[in-house]
Amino acid sequence: MVKRLFTLFLGFVIALSLPAVVFAQEAAAQDKKMDKKAKESRWEGNVIRSSPDKSTLTVRKVGSNLERAVHYDSSTRWVSQEHGSKKVNDIDASQVKDGDRVIVRGTWENNEFNATLISKRLSHSPK
């Protein structure tokens, strides 16, 4: 009788622990996704310095003195887009000059902001 109760109890504990293990694995996967999202960032401003030799742009946030060094490489996508337009044009790094307005998307790694996308903002076209 005692063995039967113990076996029943043990089976009950195992049956209840399986969903907990699955839930813990899902929670760990969700935490990894959140960590990845937390590292993704966006910066918008005007290019104040560009250094093609070092593959960096220094971008000053509009209306502020905050500056951020943006690192890019061969995998960085360069685009241009007019304000309010859905049309996106592929460009190359040489088309972004000092004074241009840009939106940068990228990730933080080793205290460096590495750009995955640099979008040059074009002014409104004349009517």
Protein backbone atom coordinates (compact mmCIF):
# COMPACT_ATOMS: atom_id res chain seq x y z
CA MET A 1 0.00 0.00 0.00
CA VAL A 2 2.78 2.43 0.97
CA LYS A 3 4.74 1.49 -2.16
CA ARG A 4 1.69 2.07 -4.29
CA LEU A 5 1.10 5.53 -2.72
CA PHE A 6 4.77 6.42 -3.09
CA THR A 7 4.74 5.37 -6.77
CA LEU A 8 1.56 7.34 -7.37
CA PHE A 9 3.05 10.41 -5.63
CA LEU A 10 6.29 10.12 -7.62
CA GLY A 11 4.36 9.85 -10.89
CA PHE A 12 2.31 12.91 -9.92
CA VAL A 13 5.50 14.93 -9.18
CA ILE A 14 7.07 13.94 -12.49
CA ALA A 15 3.90 14.76 -14.41
CA LEU A 16 3.78 18.23 -12.85
CA SER A 17 7.48 18.96 -13.37
CA LEU A 18 7.50 18.34 -17.15
CA PRO A 19 5.46 21.47 -18.01
CA ALA A 20 7.69 23.48 -15.66
CA VAL A 21 10.78 22.36 -17.60
CA VAL A 22 9.19 23.31 -20.92
CA PHE A 23 8.10 26.68 -19.50
CA ALA A 24 11.63 27.35 -18.19
CA GLN A 25 13.10 26.63 -21.63
CA GLU A 26 10.61 28.98 -23.29
CA ALA A 27 11.40 31.68 -20.72
CA ALA A 28 15.13 31.30 -21.41
CA ALA A 29 14.53 31.61 -25.16
CA GLN A 30 12.40 34.73 -24.56
CA ASP A 31 15.18 36.24 -22.41
CA LYS A 32 17.67 35.72 -25.25
CA LYS A 33 15.34 37.51 -27.67
CA MET A 34 14.94 40.39 -25.22
CA ASP A 35 18.72 40.66 -24.79
CA LYS A 36 19.14 40.84 -28.56
CA LYS A 37 16.43 43.48 -28.88
CA ALA A 38 17.96 45.48 -26.03
CA LYS A 39 21.23 45.70 -27.94
CA GLU A 40 19.56 46.96 -31.10
CA SER A 41 19.54 50.73 -31.21
CA ARG A 42 18.67 53.75 -33.36
CA TRP A 43 20.42 57.12 -33.62
CA GLU A 44 19.31 60.11 -35.66
CA GLY A 45 21.16 63.33 -36.37
CA ASN A 46 23.54 65.22 -38.61
CA VAL A 47 26.90 63.91 -39.73
CA ILE A 48 29.54 66.25 -38.31
CA ARG A 49 32.64 64.22 -39.20
CA SER A 50 33.27 61.28 -41.46
CA SER A 51 36.36 59.14 -41.53
CA PRO A 52 36.39 56.65 -44.41
CA ASP A 53 39.84 55.40 -43.28
CA LYS A 54 38.43 54.38 -39.89
CA SER A 55 34.97 53.51 -41.29
CA THR A 56 33.22 55.84 -38.85
CA LEU A 57 30.73 58.68 -38.87
CA THR A 58 30.29 61.06 -35.96
CA VAL A 59 26.59 61.90 -35.74
CA ARG A 60 25.24 64.74 -33.58
CA LYS A 61 21.66 64.37 -32.37
CA VAL A 62 19.40 67.12 -33.72
CA GLY A 63 18.82 69.91 -31.18
CA SER A 64 21.50 68.59 -28.85
CA ASN A 65 25.24 68.43 -28.30
CA LEU A 66 25.14 64.63 -27.93
CA GLU A 67 27.42 62.91 -30.41
CA ARG A 68 27.90 59.25 -31.19
CA ALA A 69 30.63 57.56 -33.20
CA VAL A 70 29.01 55.13 -35.62
CA HIS A 71 31.15 52.31 -37.01
CA TYR A 72 30.30 50.71 -40.33
CA ASP A 73 31.70 47.91 -42.46
CA SER A 74 31.07 46.15 -45.75
CA SER A 75 27.86 44.57 -44.40
CA THR A 76 26.29 47.96 -43.58
CA ARG A 77 23.37 48.81 -45.85
CA TRP A 78 23.34 52.40 -47.18
CA VAL A 79 20.07 53.93 -48.38
CA SER A 80 18.51 57.32 -49.02
CA GLN A 81 14.89 58.30 -48.65
CA GLU A 82 12.82 61.47 -48.94
CA HIS A 83 10.80 62.54 -45.94
CA GLY A 84 7.39 60.84 -45.99
CA SER A 85 8.22 58.73 -49.03
CA LYS A 86 8.00 54.95 -49.22
CA LYS A 87 10.64 54.80 -51.97
CA VAL A 88 14.06 53.74 -50.70
CA ASN A 89 17.17 54.13 -52.88
CA ASP A 90 20.34 52.09 -52.38
CA ILE A 91 23.44 54.30 -52.23
CA ASP A 92 27.08 53.88 -51.22
CA ALA A 93 29.08 55.40 -48.37
CA SER A 94 30.62 58.08 -50.57
CA GLN A 95 27.21 59.70 -51.01
CA VAL A 96 26.90 60.58 -47.31
CA LYS A 97 28.71 63.85 -46.57
CA ASP A 98 29.29 66.04 -43.53
CA GLY A 99 26.10 67.94 -42.69
CA ASP A 100 23.76 65.25 -44.05
CA ARG A 101 20.86 64.10 -41.89
CA VAL A 102 20.95 60.35 -41.21
CA ILE A 103 19.09 57.70 -39.28
CA VAL A 104 21.31 54.86 -38.11
CA ARG A 105 20.17 51.45 -36.93
CA GLY A 106 22.68 49.11 -35.38
CA THR A 107 23.86 47.14 -32.39
CA TRP A 108 26.09 47.76 -29.41
CA GLU A 109 29.11 45.50 -29.15
CA ASN A 110 32.12 46.15 -26.92
CA ASN A 111 30.94 49.73 -26.25
CA GLU A 112 30.88 50.50 -29.98
CA PHE A 113 27.81 51.33 -32.02
CA ASN A 114 28.01 49.21 -35.19
CA ALA A 115 25.66 50.27 -37.96
CA THR A 116 23.60 47.71 -39.83
CA LEU A 117 21.67 50.39 -41.76
CA ILE A 118 22.48 54.04 -42.50
CA SER A 119 19.65 55.99 -44.09
CA LYS A 120 20.43 59.38 -45.57
CA ARG A 121 17.39 61.64 -45.29
CA LEU A 122 16.62 63.74 -48.35
CA SER A 123 14.84 67.08 -48.13
CA HIS A 124 11.38 67.60 -49.56
CA SER A 125 11.36 67.94 -53.30
CA PRO A 126 10.26 71.35 -54.61
CA LYS A 127 6.63 71.59 -55.74
